[in-house]
Protein backbone atom coordinates (compact mmCIF):
# COMPACT_ATOMS: atom_id res chain seq x y z
CA MET A 1 4.00 -18.66 -4.03
CA LYS A 2 6.49 -15.79 -4.25
CA LYS A 3 4.75 -14.49 -7.35
CA ILE A 4 1.32 -14.55 -5.69
CA ILE A 5 2.57 -12.75 -2.59
CA LYS A 6 4.28 -10.15 -4.77
CA GLN A 7 1.05 -9.58 -6.72
CA LEU A 8 -1.07 -9.35 -3.56
CA LEU A 9 1.30 -6.86 -1.98
CA GLY A 10 1.33 -4.84 -5.19
CA LEU A 11 -2.46 -4.76 -5.32
CA ALA A 12 -2.67 -3.80 -1.65
CA SER A 13 -0.23 -0.94 -2.10
CA ILE A 14 -2.07 0.33 -5.18
CA ALA A 15 -5.39 0.18 -3.32
CA GLY A 16 -3.83 2.04 -0.39
CA VAL A 17 -2.48 4.80 -2.59
CA VAL A 18 -5.79 5.18 -4.43
CA ALA A 19 -7.69 5.29 -1.13
CA GLY A 20 -5.26 7.92 0.16
CA ALA A 21 -5.71 10.03 -2.96
CA VAL A 22 -9.50 9.81 -2.68
CA TYR A 23 -9.31 10.71 1.00
CA LEU A 24 -7.12 13.76 0.32
CA PHE A 25 -9.34 14.88 -2.54
CA LYS A 26 -12.48 14.62 -0.40
CA LYS A 27 -10.78 16.33 2.54
CA LYS A 28 -9.66 19.19 0.33
CA SER A 29 -13.13 19.63 -1.20
CA ASP A 30 -14.71 19.57 2.30
CA ALA A 31 -12.29 22.28 3.46
CA ASP A 32 -13.30 24.45 0.50
CA ASP A 33 -16.97 24.05 1.42
CA GLU A 34 -16.32 25.13 5.02
CA ASP A 35 -14.63 28.34 3.84
CA PHE A 36 -17.62 29.06 1.63
CA ASP A 37 -20.09 28.62 4.52
CA ASP A 38 -18.39 31.38 6.52
CA ASP A 39 -19.47 33.96 3.94
CA PHE A 40 -23.10 33.58 4.97
CA ASP A 41 -22.58 33.95 8.71
CA ASP A 42 -22.71 37.75 8.59
CA GLU A 43 -25.33 38.70 11.19
CA ASP A 44 -24.70 42.44 10.96
CA PHE A 45 -26.88 42.80 7.88
CA ASP A 46 -29.72 45.25 8.36
CA LEU A 47 -31.56 45.84 5.12
CA ASP A 48 -33.04 49.19 6.06
CA ASN A 49 -29.75 50.74 7.16
CA ASP A 50 -27.42 49.14 4.60
CA LEU A 51 -29.24 50.11 1.42
CA LYS A 52 -28.60 53.50 -0.11
CA SER A 53 -31.32 55.70 -1.42
CA VAL A 54 -32.59 54.91 -4.89
CA SER A 55 -30.84 57.90 -6.49
CA ASP A 56 -27.42 56.86 -5.00
CA ARG A 57 -27.54 53.24 -6.18
CA GLU A 58 -25.45 52.01 -9.07
CA TYR A 59 -26.65 49.21 -11.28
CA VAL A 60 -24.52 46.28 -12.33
CA SER A 61 -25.07 44.63 -15.67
CA LEU A 62 -26.03 40.95 -15.54
CA ASN A 63 -24.01 38.24 -17.25
CA THR A 64 -25.33 37.37 -20.64
CA GLY A 65 -25.81 33.75 -21.67
CA ALA A 66 -22.57 33.78 -23.69
CA GLN A 67 -20.56 35.05 -20.71
CA ALA A 68 -22.06 32.36 -18.47
CA VAL A 69 -21.21 29.65 -21.01
CA GLU A 70 -17.65 30.94 -21.32
CA THR A 71 -17.25 30.99 -17.54
CA ALA A 72 -18.60 27.44 -17.33
CA LYS A 73 -16.14 26.27 -20.01
CA GLU A 74 -13.22 27.82 -18.13
CA THR A 75 -14.36 26.16 -14.91
CA VAL A 76 -14.61 22.79 -16.64
CA LYS A 77 -11.11 23.18 -18.12
CA GLU A 78 -9.68 24.05 -14.70
CA ALA A 79 -11.42 21.04 -13.16
CA GLU A 80 -10.06 18.76 -15.90
CA GLU A 81 -6.53 20.05 -15.30
CA LYS A 82 -6.84 19.48 -11.55
CA VAL A 83 -8.19 15.95 -12.06
CA GLU A 84 -5.40 15.14 -14.53
CA GLU A 85 -2.81 16.51 -12.11
CA ALA A 86 -4.26 14.45 -9.27
CA ALA A 87 -4.30 11.34 -11.47
CA ASN A 88 -0.66 11.85 -12.45
CA THR A 89 0.33 12.35 -8.82
CA ALA A 90 -1.59 9.23 -7.81
CA ALA A 91 0.04 7.24 -10.61
CA GLU A 92 3.50 8.36 -9.49
CA GLN A 93 2.72 7.42 -5.90
CA VAL A 94 1.41 4.03 -7.02
CA GLU A 95 4.61 3.39 -8.97
CA LYS A 96 6.76 4.36 -5.98
CA ALA A 97 4.71 2.16 -3.67
CA ALA A 98 4.85 -0.75 -6.11
CA LYS A 99 8.64 -0.46 -6.36
CA ALA A 100 8.97 -0.30 -2.58
CA VAL A 101 6.74 -3.34 -2.14
CA GLU A 102 8.65 -5.23 -4.81
CA GLU A 103 11.97 -4.45 -3.11
CA LYS A 104 10.62 -5.52 0.28
CA ALA A 105 9.21 -8.72 -1.22
CA GLU A 106 12.58 -9.52 -2.79
CA ASP A 107 14.32 -8.87 0.54
CA VAL A 108 11.88 -11.15 2.33
CA ALA A 109 12.28 -13.84 -0.34
CA ASP A 110 16.08 -13.64 -0.07
CA ALA A 111 15.92 -13.87 3.71
CA ALA A 112 13.57 -16.85 3.46
CA ALA A 113 15.89 -18.56 0.98
CA ASP A 114 18.86 -18.00 3.28
CA LYS A 115 16.93 -19.37 6.24
CA ALA A 116 15.82 -22.40 4.20
CA GLY A 117 19.45 -23.06 3.24
CA ASP A 118 20.51 -22.84 6.89
CA ILE A 119 17.75 -25.26 7.89
CA ALA A 120 18.75 -27.67 5.10
CA GLU A 121 22.38 -27.62 6.29
CA ALA A 122 21.31 -28.25 9.88
CA VAL A 123 19.10 -31.17 8.80
CA GLU A 124 21.95 -32.62 6.73
CA GLU A 125 24.33 -32.43 9.71
CA LYS A 126 21.80 -34.07 12.04
CA THR A 127 21.15 -36.80 9.46
CA LYS A 128 24.88 -37.52 9.12
CA LYS A 129 25.27 -37.71 12.91
CA THR A 130 22.27 -39.99 13.20
CA LEU A 131 23.59 -42.27 10.41
CA LYS A 132 27.01 -42.46 12.12
CA ALA A 133 25.36 -43.29 15.42
CA LEU A 134 23.17 -45.95 13.80
CA LYS A 135 26.18 -47.37 11.93
CA GLY A 136 28.10 -47.57 15.19
CA LYS A 137 25.19 -49.28 16.95
CA ALA A 138 24.79 -51.68 14.03
CA GLU A 139 28.49 -52.52 14.16
CA ASN A 140 28.26 -53.03 17.94
CA ALA A 141 25.20 -55.24 17.49
CA ALA A 142 26.94 -57.20 14.71
CA GLY A 143 29.99 -57.64 16.93
CA ALA A 144 27.83 -58.77 19.85
CA ALA A 145 25.97 -61.21 17.59
CA LYS A 146 29.26 -62.53 16.26
CA GLU A 147 30.56 -63.08 19.82
CA ALA A 148 27.30 -64.76 20.77
CA VAL A 149 27.59 -67.08 17.77
CA GLU A 150 31.22 -67.85 18.65
CA ASN A 151 30.26 -68.55 22.26
CA ILE A 152 27.51 -70.87 21.15
CA THR A 153 29.76 -72.71 18.67
CA GLU A 154 32.49 -73.13 21.33
CA LYS A 155 30.16 -74.73 23.78
């Protein structure tokens, strides 16, 4: 029974840590999205007034396919590093939680064993008292029966 409870508590703590990590990850990604949305709320944009004349404009070169691929690879590497870091952090938290649950389970088991020992001692004492009382009553009954037999034999 102790083993099952320990395993259930361990699984519950692991599930709690994983759920917390997922929650934090989603919360962080939602916060990033909100910051990005603010960039488009600029209502002061007036195309006719903001654009310069054609002769004053400077042109920017577009990314080539190779540059876009390289940028994508860097982004993927950064994402992999962040995921690995989050997984390591979650694993550490799971280990800490599992150790804490194991310690608490051992404390509870020790307390239960102590309580069971106390109850066993109390039951033993009550049983001894009851046996003494029954022995005394049996002796009294035997004595009364003996007197009754003596009275009957005397008559």
